[in-house]
Amino acid sequence: MTVSFRAKLLLSALSSTIIALVVAGVLFAQSMQRRIDARIEETLVAEARLTAELLARSAIPAMRRTRLPIRADTSQAMAAPPINATPSAARVAVSTACS
């Protein structure tokens, strides 16, 4: 069984087409991967700059606040019920306590 010249020509054309499509696909995939990587990198850099700017803005007011050390007796005082300074509230508190 001999293969004719036309069959050989068809097979060689098909094989070269398949090889060309595979090479083009690989090159296209690499190009797209580089573009995606560049876009991800740009996005990460922009987010890092935004985060740094937001942290810098929120750090300035935080440095202006004064923080006092918490002592053990202040935590007990905070747990006690508040004392009302108005006379009517004092009467209500006394009348409910006496009842």
N, C-alpha and C. Protein backbone atom coordinates (compact mmCIF):
# COMPACT_ATOMS: atom_id res chain seq x y z
N MET A 1 0.84 -1.16 0.00
CA MET A 1 0.00 0.00 0.00
C MET A 1 0.90 1.23 0.00
N THR A 2 0.83 1.93 -1.06
CA THR A 2 1.64 3.12 -1.20
C THR A 2 0.75 4.34 -1.01
N VAL A 3 1.35 5.37 -0.41
CA VAL A 3 0.64 6.61 -0.16
C VAL A 3 0.93 7.55 -1.31
N SER A 4 -0.11 8.12 -1.83
CA SER A 4 0.06 9.00 -2.98
C SER A 4 0.69 10.33 -2.58
N PHE A 5 1.12 11.03 -3.57
CA PHE A 5 1.77 12.33 -3.35
C PHE A 5 0.78 13.32 -2.71
N ARG A 6 -0.46 13.28 -3.13
CA ARG A 6 -1.47 14.18 -2.57
C ARG A 6 -1.72 13.90 -1.09
N ALA A 7 -1.74 12.67 -0.70
CA ALA A 7 -1.96 12.30 0.70
C ALA A 7 -0.78 12.78 1.55
N LYS A 8 0.44 12.58 1.01
CA LYS A 8 1.62 13.05 1.74
C LYS A 8 1.58 14.58 1.89
N LEU A 9 1.21 15.25 0.85
CA LEU A 9 1.13 16.71 0.89
C LEU A 9 0.06 17.17 1.89
N LEU A 10 -1.08 16.49 1.92
CA LEU A 10 -2.15 16.82 2.86
C LEU A 10 -1.70 16.59 4.31
N LEU A 11 -1.08 15.48 4.57
CA LEU A 11 -0.60 15.19 5.93
C LEU A 11 0.47 16.19 6.38
N SER A 12 1.37 16.55 5.49
CA SER A 12 2.40 17.52 5.87
C SER A 12 1.79 18.90 6.11
N ALA A 13 0.80 19.28 5.33
CA ALA A 13 0.13 20.57 5.53
C ALA A 13 -0.64 20.58 6.84
N LEU A 14 -1.33 19.50 7.14
CA LEU A 14 -2.07 19.40 8.40
C LEU A 14 -1.13 19.42 9.60
N SER A 15 -0.03 18.69 9.52
CA SER A 15 0.90 18.65 10.64
C SER A 15 1.56 20.00 10.86
N SER A 16 1.92 20.68 9.79
CA SER A 16 2.54 22.01 9.95
C SER A 16 1.52 23.01 10.49
N THR A 17 0.27 22.88 10.10
CA THR A 17 -0.78 23.76 10.63
C THR A 17 -0.98 23.51 12.12
N ILE A 18 -1.00 22.26 12.50
CA ILE A 18 -1.18 21.93 13.92
C ILE A 18 0.00 22.45 14.74
N ILE A 19 1.21 22.28 14.23
CA ILE A 19 2.39 22.77 14.94
C ILE A 19 2.35 24.29 15.05
N ALA A 20 1.95 24.97 14.00
CA ALA A 20 1.87 26.44 14.02
C ALA A 20 0.82 26.91 15.03
N LEU A 21 -0.31 26.22 15.07
CA LEU A 21 -1.36 26.60 16.04
C LEU A 21 -0.91 26.36 17.48
N VAL A 22 -0.19 25.29 17.71
CA VAL A 22 0.31 25.02 19.07
C VAL A 22 1.32 26.09 19.48
N VAL A 23 2.23 26.44 18.59
CA VAL A 23 3.23 27.47 18.90
C VAL A 23 2.55 28.82 19.14
N ALA A 24 1.57 29.16 18.29
CA ALA A 24 0.85 30.42 18.46
C ALA A 24 0.08 30.43 19.78
N GLY A 25 -0.52 29.30 20.14
CA GLY A 25 -1.24 29.21 21.41
C GLY A 25 -0.33 29.38 22.61
N VAL A 26 0.84 28.77 22.55
CA VAL A 26 1.80 28.91 23.65
C VAL A 26 2.28 30.35 23.77
N LEU A 27 2.60 30.98 22.64
CA LEU A 27 3.05 32.38 22.67
C LEU A 27 1.95 33.30 23.18
N PHE A 28 0.70 33.06 22.75
CA PHE A 28 -0.41 33.88 23.22
C PHE A 28 -0.64 33.70 24.73
N ALA A 29 -0.55 32.46 25.20
CA ALA A 29 -0.73 32.19 26.63
C ALA A 29 0.35 32.88 27.46
N GLN A 30 1.58 32.85 26.99
CA GLN A 30 2.66 33.52 27.71
C GLN A 30 2.45 35.03 27.73
N SER A 31 2.02 35.59 26.60
CA SER A 31 1.76 37.02 26.53
C SER A 31 0.64 37.42 27.49
N MET A 32 -0.43 36.66 27.51
CA MET A 32 -1.55 36.95 28.41
C MET A 32 -1.13 36.81 29.87
N GLN A 33 -0.31 35.82 30.16
CA GLN A 33 0.16 35.62 31.54
C GLN A 33 0.99 36.81 32.00
N ARG A 34 1.85 37.33 31.12
CA ARG A 34 2.63 38.52 31.48
C ARG A 34 1.75 39.73 31.72
N ARG A 35 0.72 39.90 30.87
CA ARG A 35 -0.20 41.02 31.05
C ARG A 35 -0.98 40.89 32.36
N ILE A 36 -1.43 39.69 32.66
CA ILE A 36 -2.18 39.48 33.90
C ILE A 36 -1.29 39.72 35.11
N ASP A 37 -0.05 39.21 35.04
CA ASP A 37 0.88 39.44 36.15
C ASP A 37 1.16 40.92 36.34
N ALA A 38 1.33 41.66 35.24
CA ALA A 38 1.58 43.10 35.35
C ALA A 38 0.38 43.82 35.95
N ARG A 39 -0.81 43.42 35.54
CA ARG A 39 -2.02 44.06 36.08
C ARG A 39 -2.18 43.75 37.58
N ILE A 40 -1.91 42.52 37.97
CA ILE A 40 -1.98 42.17 39.38
C ILE A 40 -0.95 42.96 40.18
N GLU A 41 0.24 43.09 39.65
CA GLU A 41 1.29 43.85 40.34
C GLU A 41 0.89 45.32 40.48
N GLU A 42 0.34 45.90 39.42
CA GLU A 42 -0.11 47.30 39.49
C GLU A 42 -1.22 47.47 40.53
N THR A 43 -2.13 46.53 40.57
CA THR A 43 -3.22 46.60 41.54
C THR A 43 -2.69 46.49 42.97
N LEU A 44 -1.76 45.57 43.19
CA LEU A 44 -1.19 45.41 44.54
C LEU A 44 -0.42 46.65 44.97
N VAL A 45 0.32 47.25 44.05
CA VAL A 45 1.06 48.47 44.38
C VAL A 45 0.09 49.60 44.72
N ALA A 46 -0.98 49.72 43.94
CA ALA A 46 -1.97 50.77 44.20
C ALA A 46 -2.65 50.55 45.55
N GLU A 47 -3.00 49.31 45.85
CA GLU A 47 -3.62 49.01 47.15
C GLU A 47 -2.66 49.27 48.30
N ALA A 48 -1.38 48.95 48.12
CA ALA A 48 -0.40 49.21 49.17
C ALA A 48 -0.23 50.71 49.40
N ARG A 49 -0.22 51.48 48.33
CA ARG A 49 -0.11 52.94 48.49
C ARG A 49 -1.34 53.50 49.19
N LEU A 50 -2.52 53.01 48.82
CA LEU A 50 -3.75 53.47 49.45
C LEU A 50 -3.77 53.11 50.93
N THR A 51 -3.35 51.90 51.25
CA THR A 51 -3.30 51.47 52.64
C THR A 51 -2.32 52.32 53.44
N ALA A 52 -1.17 52.60 52.85
CA ALA A 52 -0.18 53.43 53.54
C ALA A 52 -0.71 54.84 53.76
N GLU A 53 -1.42 55.37 52.78
CA GLU A 53 -1.98 56.72 52.93
C GLU A 53 -3.05 56.74 54.01
N LEU A 54 -3.91 55.73 54.02
CA LEU A 54 -4.96 55.67 55.05
C LEU A 54 -4.38 55.48 56.44
N LEU A 55 -3.35 54.66 56.55
CA LEU A 55 -2.70 54.47 57.85
C LEU A 55 -2.01 55.74 58.30
N ALA A 56 -1.41 56.46 57.37
CA ALA A 56 -0.74 57.72 57.73
C ALA A 56 -1.76 58.75 58.20
N ARG A 57 -2.91 58.79 57.56
CA ARG A 57 -3.95 59.74 57.97
C ARG A 57 -4.52 59.39 59.34
N SER A 58 -4.72 58.11 59.61
CA SER A 58 -5.31 57.73 60.89
C SER A 58 -4.29 57.72 62.01
N ALA A 59 -3.00 57.68 61.69
CA ALA A 59 -1.96 57.68 62.73
C ALA A 59 -1.78 59.07 63.33
N ILE A 60 -2.02 60.12 62.57
CA ILE A 60 -1.82 61.48 63.08
C ILE A 60 -2.80 61.79 64.20
N PRO A 61 -4.11 61.56 64.06
CA PRO A 61 -5.01 61.82 65.19
C PRO A 61 -4.74 60.89 66.37
N ALA A 62 -4.29 59.69 66.12
CA ALA A 62 -4.03 58.75 67.21
C ALA A 62 -2.85 59.23 68.05
N MET A 63 -1.89 59.91 67.44
CA MET A 63 -0.74 60.40 68.21
C MET A 63 -1.14 61.58 69.07
N ARG A 64 -2.19 62.30 68.69
CA ARG A 64 -2.62 63.45 69.48
C ARG A 64 -3.38 63.05 70.73
N ARG A 65 -4.00 61.89 70.70
CA ARG A 65 -4.76 61.44 71.88
C ARG A 65 -3.81 61.06 73.00
N THR A 66 -4.23 61.35 74.23
CA THR A 66 -3.43 60.93 75.37
C THR A 66 -4.08 59.70 75.96
N ARG A 67 -3.29 58.74 76.28
CA ARG A 67 -3.80 57.51 76.86
C ARG A 67 -3.24 57.38 78.28
N LEU A 68 -4.14 57.25 79.23
CA LEU A 68 -3.73 57.09 80.62
C LEU A 68 -3.68 55.62 80.96
N PRO A 69 -2.76 55.26 81.84
CA PRO A 69 -2.69 53.84 82.22
C PRO A 69 -3.92 53.45 83.04
N ILE A 70 -4.42 52.25 82.82
CA ILE A 70 -5.60 51.77 83.56
C ILE A 70 -5.11 51.11 84.84
N ARG A 71 -5.71 51.54 85.96
CA ARG A 71 -5.36 50.96 87.24
C ARG A 71 -6.45 50.00 87.67
N ALA A 72 -6.18 49.19 88.64
CA ALA A 72 -7.13 48.18 89.10
C ALA A 72 -8.36 48.83 89.74
N ASP A 73 -8.15 49.93 90.52
CA ASP A 73 -9.29 50.54 91.21
C ASP A 73 -10.22 51.27 90.24
N THR A 74 -9.74 51.69 89.08
CA THR A 74 -10.63 52.36 88.13
C THR A 74 -11.55 51.37 87.46
N SER A 75 -11.11 50.13 87.29
CA SER A 75 -12.00 49.15 86.68
C SER A 75 -13.15 48.82 87.61
N GLN A 76 -12.92 48.83 88.96
CA GLN A 76 -14.01 48.60 89.91
C GLN A 76 -14.94 49.80 89.96
N ALA A 77 -14.40 50.99 89.84
CA ALA A 77 -15.23 52.19 89.85
C ALA A 77 -16.10 52.25 88.60
N MET A 78 -15.59 51.76 87.50
CA MET A 78 -16.37 51.75 86.28
C MET A 78 -17.51 50.75 86.37
N ALA A 79 -17.36 49.72 87.16
CA ALA A 79 -18.40 48.71 87.29
C ALA A 79 -19.53 49.17 88.21
N ALA A 80 -19.27 50.15 89.07
CA ALA A 80 -20.30 50.65 89.98
C ALA A 80 -21.36 51.43 89.20
N PRO A 81 -22.61 51.44 89.69
CA PRO A 81 -23.65 52.18 88.98
C PRO A 81 -23.38 53.68 89.04
N PRO A 82 -23.77 54.41 88.03
CA PRO A 82 -23.50 55.85 88.01
C PRO A 82 -24.36 56.59 89.04
N ILE A 83 -23.82 57.66 89.57
CA ILE A 83 -24.54 58.49 90.55
C ILE A 83 -25.09 59.69 89.80
N ASN A 84 -26.40 59.92 89.92
CA ASN A 84 -27.03 61.06 89.25
C ASN A 84 -26.88 62.29 90.13
N ALA A 85 -26.53 63.42 89.53
CA ALA A 85 -26.28 64.65 90.28
C ALA A 85 -27.51 65.52 90.42
N THR A 86 -28.57 65.23 89.72
CA THR A 86 -29.75 66.08 89.81
C THR A 86 -30.58 65.71 91.03
N PRO A 87 -31.20 66.69 91.71
CA PRO A 87 -31.98 66.40 92.92
C PRO A 87 -33.19 65.50 92.65
N SER A 88 -33.87 65.67 91.52
CA SER A 88 -35.03 64.84 91.24
C SER A 88 -34.62 63.40 91.03
N ALA A 89 -33.49 63.19 90.39
CA ALA A 89 -33.02 61.82 90.20
C ALA A 89 -32.61 61.21 91.53
N ALA A 90 -32.06 62.02 92.42
CA ALA A 90 -31.67 61.51 93.74
C ALA A 90 -32.90 61.10 94.52
N ARG A 91 -33.99 61.89 94.45
CA ARG A 91 -35.22 61.53 95.15
C ARG A 91 -35.81 60.24 94.61
N VAL A 92 -35.77 60.09 93.30
CA VAL A 92 -36.29 58.86 92.70
C VAL A 92 -35.46 57.67 93.13
N ALA A 93 -34.11 57.86 93.15
CA ALA A 93 -33.23 56.77 93.55
C ALA A 93 -33.45 56.42 95.00
N VAL A 94 -33.63 57.43 95.88
CA VAL A 94 -33.85 57.16 97.30
C VAL A 94 -35.21 56.53 97.50
N SER A 95 -36.24 57.03 96.85
CA SER A 95 -37.57 56.48 97.05
C SER A 95 -37.67 55.04 96.55
N THR A 96 -36.98 54.71 95.48
CA THR A 96 -37.03 53.32 95.00
C THR A 96 -36.17 52.43 95.90
N ALA A 97 -35.12 52.97 96.49
CA ALA A 97 -34.28 52.16 97.38
C ALA A 97 -34.98 51.89 98.68
N CYS A 98 -35.80 52.82 99.16
CA CYS A 98 -36.51 52.65 100.43
C CYS A 98 -37.72 51.74 100.29
N SER A 99 -38.27 51.61 99.13
CA SER A 99 -39.49 50.82 98.96
C SER A 99 -39.25 49.36 99.08
